[in-house]
Structure formats: structure tokens, C-alpha cells
């Protein structure tokens, strides 16, 4: 049985944080993709995707991360992942996405590490 995804967004001094809990699979990826254009992401800011509550991730979930990165880069902002579960971290490493996504233990750590980039 799948665990429904919950999605919460919040704003920090560094930018937006998307907190995901549940299954990141093909059933809910449209929900996450629909949130991206609604974010008030400004040049130089950072989008953090907090994955600490993810219980399952399939290939469409990985595609969502890539789409979020593309959206962030088009806004002249940066992206980081936080609290990546071990099973998901391994997938990210195997497909080479660890080279594209800085990762942090917590969303707070990502905010602390953030440095504004010129927009």
C-alpha cells in the first residue's frame, strides 16, 4: 500500500523549502510539479527540497528533482536537497545526480550553508 504524499512549502531567508512526506511516485509527481511555478523564487535565492519524510521514490520522483533543478536554474537560483534517506541517496549517486545537487543533513543546514548568488 502506498503512503500518500504530503507537501508543505515555507519561506526562509535563503528562499523556499519544499518538505515532502510519503511516496514520491508517478501518482503524485504532477502535484509536486504544479507547485514549482507557484514558488516566489528570486535570482540568487535557494530552493531546498527536504526529503526526510520520503518513504518511497520511483523514477518519476527522480524526474521531479530534475524538473525542480531546471526550474530553479531558470530563475537564476540554486537548489539543494536535505535529509535525503539512505535508499534514495544511493539512487542519486548511482545515476550521477550527486554532482548536480548539493545535499545537507537538514533544511536548516542547507539554509546555513547558502550564499546568495548574483542574479
Protein backbone atom coordinates (compact mmCIF):
# COMPACT_ATOMS: atom_id res chain seq x y z
CA UNK A 1 0.00 0.00 0.00
CA UNK A 2 1.33 3.41 -0.93
CA UNK A 3 1.66 6.22 1.56
CA UNK A 4 0.04 9.41 0.25
CA UNK A 5 2.36 12.32 -0.26
CA UNK A 6 2.05 15.47 1.76
CA UNK A 7 3.73 18.60 0.54
CA UNK A 8 4.40 21.72 2.57
CA UNK A 9 6.18 24.83 1.45
CA UNK A 10 7.70 27.55 3.55
CA UNK A 11 9.91 30.53 3.00
CA UNK A 12 13.22 31.21 4.72
CA UNK A 13 15.80 33.96 4.36
CA UNK A 14 17.54 31.78 1.77
CA UNK A 15 14.42 31.09 -0.29
CA UNK A 16 11.78 28.38 -0.46
CA UNK A 17 11.71 24.98 1.21
CA UNK A 18 9.53 22.14 -0.09
CA UNK A 19 9.00 19.44 2.54
CA UNK A 20 7.84 16.10 1.15
CA UNK A 21 6.46 13.21 3.21
CA UNK A 22 5.22 9.89 1.83
CA UNK A 23 5.69 8.21 -1.54
CA UNK A 24 7.27 10.23 -4.34
CA UNK A 25 5.92 8.23 -7.27
CA UNK A 26 4.04 8.60 -10.56
CA UNK A 27 0.73 9.12 -8.77
CA UNK A 28 1.77 12.39 -7.16
CA UNK A 29 4.51 13.86 -9.31
CA UNK A 30 2.02 16.21 -11.02
CA UNK A 31 1.20 17.65 -7.59
CA UNK A 32 4.85 18.50 -6.97
CA UNK A 33 5.39 19.82 -10.49
CA UNK A 34 2.37 22.12 -10.14
CA UNK A 35 3.89 23.75 -7.05
CA UNK A 36 7.10 24.82 -8.76
CA UNK A 37 5.69 27.73 -10.82
CA UNK A 38 3.82 28.99 -7.75
CA UNK A 39 7.02 29.48 -5.76
CA UNK A 40 8.30 33.02 -5.35
CA UNK A 41 11.85 32.08 -6.26
CA UNK A 42 14.07 35.05 -6.94
CA UNK A 43 17.51 35.29 -8.51
CA UNK A 44 20.24 34.41 -6.05
CA UNK A 45 17.93 32.50 -3.72
CA UNK A 46 17.96 28.79 -2.96
CA UNK A 47 15.26 26.16 -3.24
CA UNK A 48 15.63 23.37 -0.69
CA UNK A 49 13.79 20.10 -1.16
CA UNK A 50 13.52 18.34 2.19
CA UNK A 51 13.22 14.61 1.53
CA UNK A 52 13.42 13.43 5.14
CA UNK A 53 9.86 12.10 5.11
CA UNK A 54 10.05 10.22 1.80
CA UNK A 55 9.19 6.55 2.22
CA UNK A 56 9.45 5.53 -1.45
CA UNK A 57 10.78 7.11 -4.65
CA UNK A 58 10.50 5.77 -8.17
CA UNK A 59 11.99 7.10 -11.42
CA UNK A 60 9.30 9.75 -11.77
CA UNK A 61 10.30 11.05 -8.35
CA UNK A 62 13.86 11.45 -9.60
CA UNK A 63 12.45 13.23 -12.67
CA UNK A 64 10.68 15.67 -10.34
CA UNK A 65 14.01 16.55 -8.75
CA UNK A 66 15.50 17.23 -12.18
CA UNK A 67 12.48 19.36 -13.13
CA UNK A 68 12.83 21.31 -9.88
CA UNK A 69 16.51 21.90 -10.64
CA UNK A 70 15.69 23.12 -14.15
CA UNK A 71 13.00 25.43 -12.80
CA UNK A 72 15.40 26.79 -10.18
CA UNK A 73 18.19 27.39 -12.67
CA UNK A 74 15.77 29.21 -15.00
CA UNK A 75 15.05 31.57 -12.09
CA UNK A 76 18.82 32.16 -11.65
CA UNK A 77 18.64 30.49 -8.25
CA UNK A 78 20.27 27.43 -6.71
CA UNK A 79 18.88 24.17 -5.39
CA UNK A 80 19.84 21.82 -2.57
CA UNK A 81 18.47 18.60 -1.15
CA UNK A 82 18.08 17.99 2.57
CA UNK A 83 17.59 14.94 4.76
CA UNK A 84 17.92 12.53 1.84
CA UNK A 85 17.02 8.99 3.01
CA UNK A 86 19.84 6.45 2.56
CA UNK A 87 17.94 4.39 -0.01
CA UNK A 88 17.29 7.50 -2.09
CA UNK A 89 20.82 8.83 -1.64
CA UNK A 90 22.17 5.65 -3.20
CA UNK A 91 19.94 6.10 -6.27
CA UNK A 92 21.01 9.72 -6.61
CA UNK A 93 24.67 8.65 -6.51
CA UNK A 94 24.21 5.78 -8.97
CA UNK A 95 22.59 7.99 -11.61
CA UNK A 96 25.15 10.76 -11.07
CA UNK A 97 22.79 13.38 -9.67
CA UNK A 98 25.01 13.83 -6.63
CA UNK A 99 27.12 16.01 -8.94
CA UNK A 100 24.14 18.34 -9.54
CA UNK A 101 22.53 18.53 -6.12
CA UNK A 102 24.32 19.68 -3.00
CA UNK A 103 22.94 17.74 -0.05
CA UNK A 104 22.64 18.63 3.62
CA UNK A 105 21.57 16.74 6.73
CA UNK A 106 18.69 19.16 7.38
CA UNK A 107 16.92 22.02 5.65
CA UNK A 108 18.34 24.30 8.33
CA UNK A 109 21.86 23.15 7.42
CA UNK A 110 21.11 23.97 3.78
CA UNK A 111 19.96 27.45 4.74
CA UNK A 112 23.07 27.98 6.88
CA UNK A 113 25.33 26.89 4.00
CA UNK A 114 23.54 29.13 1.48
CA UNK A 115 25.38 32.05 -0.03
CA UNK A 116 23.46 34.41 -2.29
CA UNK A 117 24.49 34.20 -5.90
CA UNK A 118 24.39 37.19 -8.23
CA UNK A 119 21.09 37.21 -10.10
